[in-house]
Amino acid sequence: MVCAALAADGCSEICGISHIDRGYERLEEAVSLLGGEIKRCS
């Protein structure tokens, strides 16, 4: 899901990311290194 969001034009919103958090450490850092920006909203 995150890779698809990075490849898409514009802004993407991914909901229910608890499974992503369990599988990837430092997700924000990895996305940033790929040129993306990530914001966590409650």
N, C-alpha and C. Protein backbone atom coordinates (compact mmCIF):
# COMPACT_ATOMS: atom_id res chain seq x y z
N MET A 1 0.82 -1.19 0.00
CA MET A 1 0.00 0.00 0.00
C MET A 1 0.86 1.26 0.00
N VAL A 2 1.91 1.24 0.80
CA VAL A 2 2.77 2.42 0.88
C VAL A 2 3.49 2.64 -0.45
N CYS A 3 3.96 1.59 -1.07
CA CYS A 3 4.64 1.72 -2.37
C CYS A 3 3.70 2.27 -3.43
N ALA A 4 2.47 1.80 -3.44
CA ALA A 4 1.48 2.30 -4.40
C ALA A 4 1.19 3.78 -4.14
N ALA A 5 1.11 4.17 -2.89
CA ALA A 5 0.86 5.57 -2.55
C ALA A 5 2.02 6.45 -3.00
N LEU A 6 3.25 5.95 -2.87
CA LEU A 6 4.42 6.72 -3.32
C LEU A 6 4.42 6.89 -4.83
N ALA A 7 3.95 5.89 -5.55
CA ALA A 7 3.95 5.94 -7.02
C ALA A 7 2.79 6.76 -7.57
N ALA A 8 1.74 6.96 -6.81
CA ALA A 8 0.56 7.67 -7.28
C ALA A 8 0.80 9.18 -7.33
N ASP A 9 0.09 9.84 -8.23
CA ASP A 9 0.12 11.31 -8.29
C ASP A 9 -0.74 11.87 -7.17
N GLY A 10 -0.34 12.99 -6.64
CA GLY A 10 -1.13 13.66 -5.62
C GLY A 10 -0.93 13.08 -4.24
N CYS A 11 -1.93 13.29 -3.41
CA CYS A 11 -1.88 12.89 -2.01
C CYS A 11 -2.65 11.58 -1.83
N SER A 12 -2.11 10.68 -1.03
CA SER A 12 -2.78 9.40 -0.74
C SER A 12 -3.02 9.28 0.75
N GLU A 13 -4.08 8.59 1.10
CA GLU A 13 -4.40 8.34 2.50
C GLU A 13 -4.55 6.84 2.71
N ILE A 14 -3.82 6.31 3.69
CA ILE A 14 -3.88 4.89 4.02
C ILE A 14 -4.42 4.78 5.44
N CYS A 15 -5.48 4.03 5.61
CA CYS A 15 -6.10 3.87 6.93
C CYS A 15 -5.81 2.48 7.47
N GLY A 16 -5.84 2.36 8.79
CA GLY A 16 -5.65 1.06 9.44
C GLY A 16 -4.27 0.49 9.20
N ILE A 17 -3.25 1.24 9.57
CA ILE A 17 -1.89 0.82 9.25
C ILE A 17 -1.19 0.06 10.37
N SER A 18 -1.93 -0.45 11.32
CA SER A 18 -1.30 -1.16 12.44
C SER A 18 -0.49 -2.35 11.95
N HIS A 19 -0.94 -3.04 10.92
CA HIS A 19 -0.18 -4.17 10.38
C HIS A 19 1.12 -3.72 9.72
N ILE A 20 1.13 -2.53 9.15
CA ILE A 20 2.35 -1.98 8.56
C ILE A 20 3.33 -1.62 9.66
N ASP A 21 2.85 -1.01 10.72
CA ASP A 21 3.72 -0.65 11.85
C ASP A 21 4.38 -1.88 12.47
N ARG A 22 3.68 -2.99 12.50
CA ARG A 22 4.26 -4.21 13.09
C ARG A 22 5.38 -4.77 12.22
N GLY A 23 5.30 -4.56 10.92
CA GLY A 23 6.26 -5.19 10.01
C GLY A 23 7.45 -4.33 9.62
N TYR A 24 7.37 -3.02 9.82
CA TYR A 24 8.43 -2.13 9.36
C TYR A 24 8.85 -1.17 10.46
N GLU A 25 10.14 -1.14 10.72
CA GLU A 25 10.68 -0.17 11.68
C GLU A 25 11.02 1.11 10.92
N ARG A 26 10.86 2.24 11.56
CA ARG A 26 11.23 3.55 11.01
C ARG A 26 10.61 3.79 9.63
N LEU A 27 9.32 3.57 9.52
CA LEU A 27 8.61 3.74 8.25
C LEU A 27 8.74 5.16 7.72
N GLU A 28 8.61 6.15 8.60
CA GLU A 28 8.70 7.53 8.17
C GLU A 28 10.07 7.84 7.55
N GLU A 29 11.12 7.29 8.14
CA GLU A 29 12.48 7.50 7.63
C GLU A 29 12.63 6.87 6.24
N ALA A 30 12.13 5.67 6.08
CA ALA A 30 12.23 4.97 4.79
C ALA A 30 11.48 5.72 3.70
N VAL A 31 10.29 6.20 4.01
CA VAL A 31 9.49 6.95 3.03
C VAL A 31 10.21 8.25 2.67
N SER A 32 10.77 8.90 3.65
CA SER A 32 11.51 10.15 3.41
C SER A 32 12.71 9.92 2.50
N LEU A 33 13.42 8.83 2.71
CA LEU A 33 14.58 8.52 1.87
C LEU A 33 14.18 8.27 0.42
N LEU A 34 12.94 7.85 0.21
CA LEU A 34 12.44 7.62 -1.15
C LEU A 34 11.83 8.88 -1.76
N GLY A 35 11.88 9.99 -1.03
CA GLY A 35 11.37 11.25 -1.55
C GLY A 35 9.93 11.54 -1.20
N GLY A 36 9.35 10.75 -0.32
CA GLY A 36 7.96 10.95 0.07
C GLY A 36 7.85 11.68 1.40
N GLU A 37 6.66 12.07 1.72
CA GLU A 37 6.36 12.72 2.99
C GLU A 37 5.22 11.95 3.63
N ILE A 38 5.35 11.67 4.91
CA ILE A 38 4.33 10.91 5.61
C ILE A 38 3.88 11.68 6.84
N LYS A 39 2.58 11.70 7.07
CA LYS A 39 2.00 12.34 8.25
C LYS A 39 1.06 11.35 8.90
N ARG A 40 1.16 11.25 10.20
CA ARG A 40 0.21 10.39 10.93
C ARG A 40 -0.89 11.29 11.51
N CYS A 41 -2.09 10.89 11.22
CA CYS A 41 -3.26 11.63 11.70
C CYS A 41 -4.08 10.72 12.60
N SER A 42 -4.71 11.29 13.59
CA SER A 42 -5.53 10.46 14.48
C SER A 42 -6.98 10.50 14.09
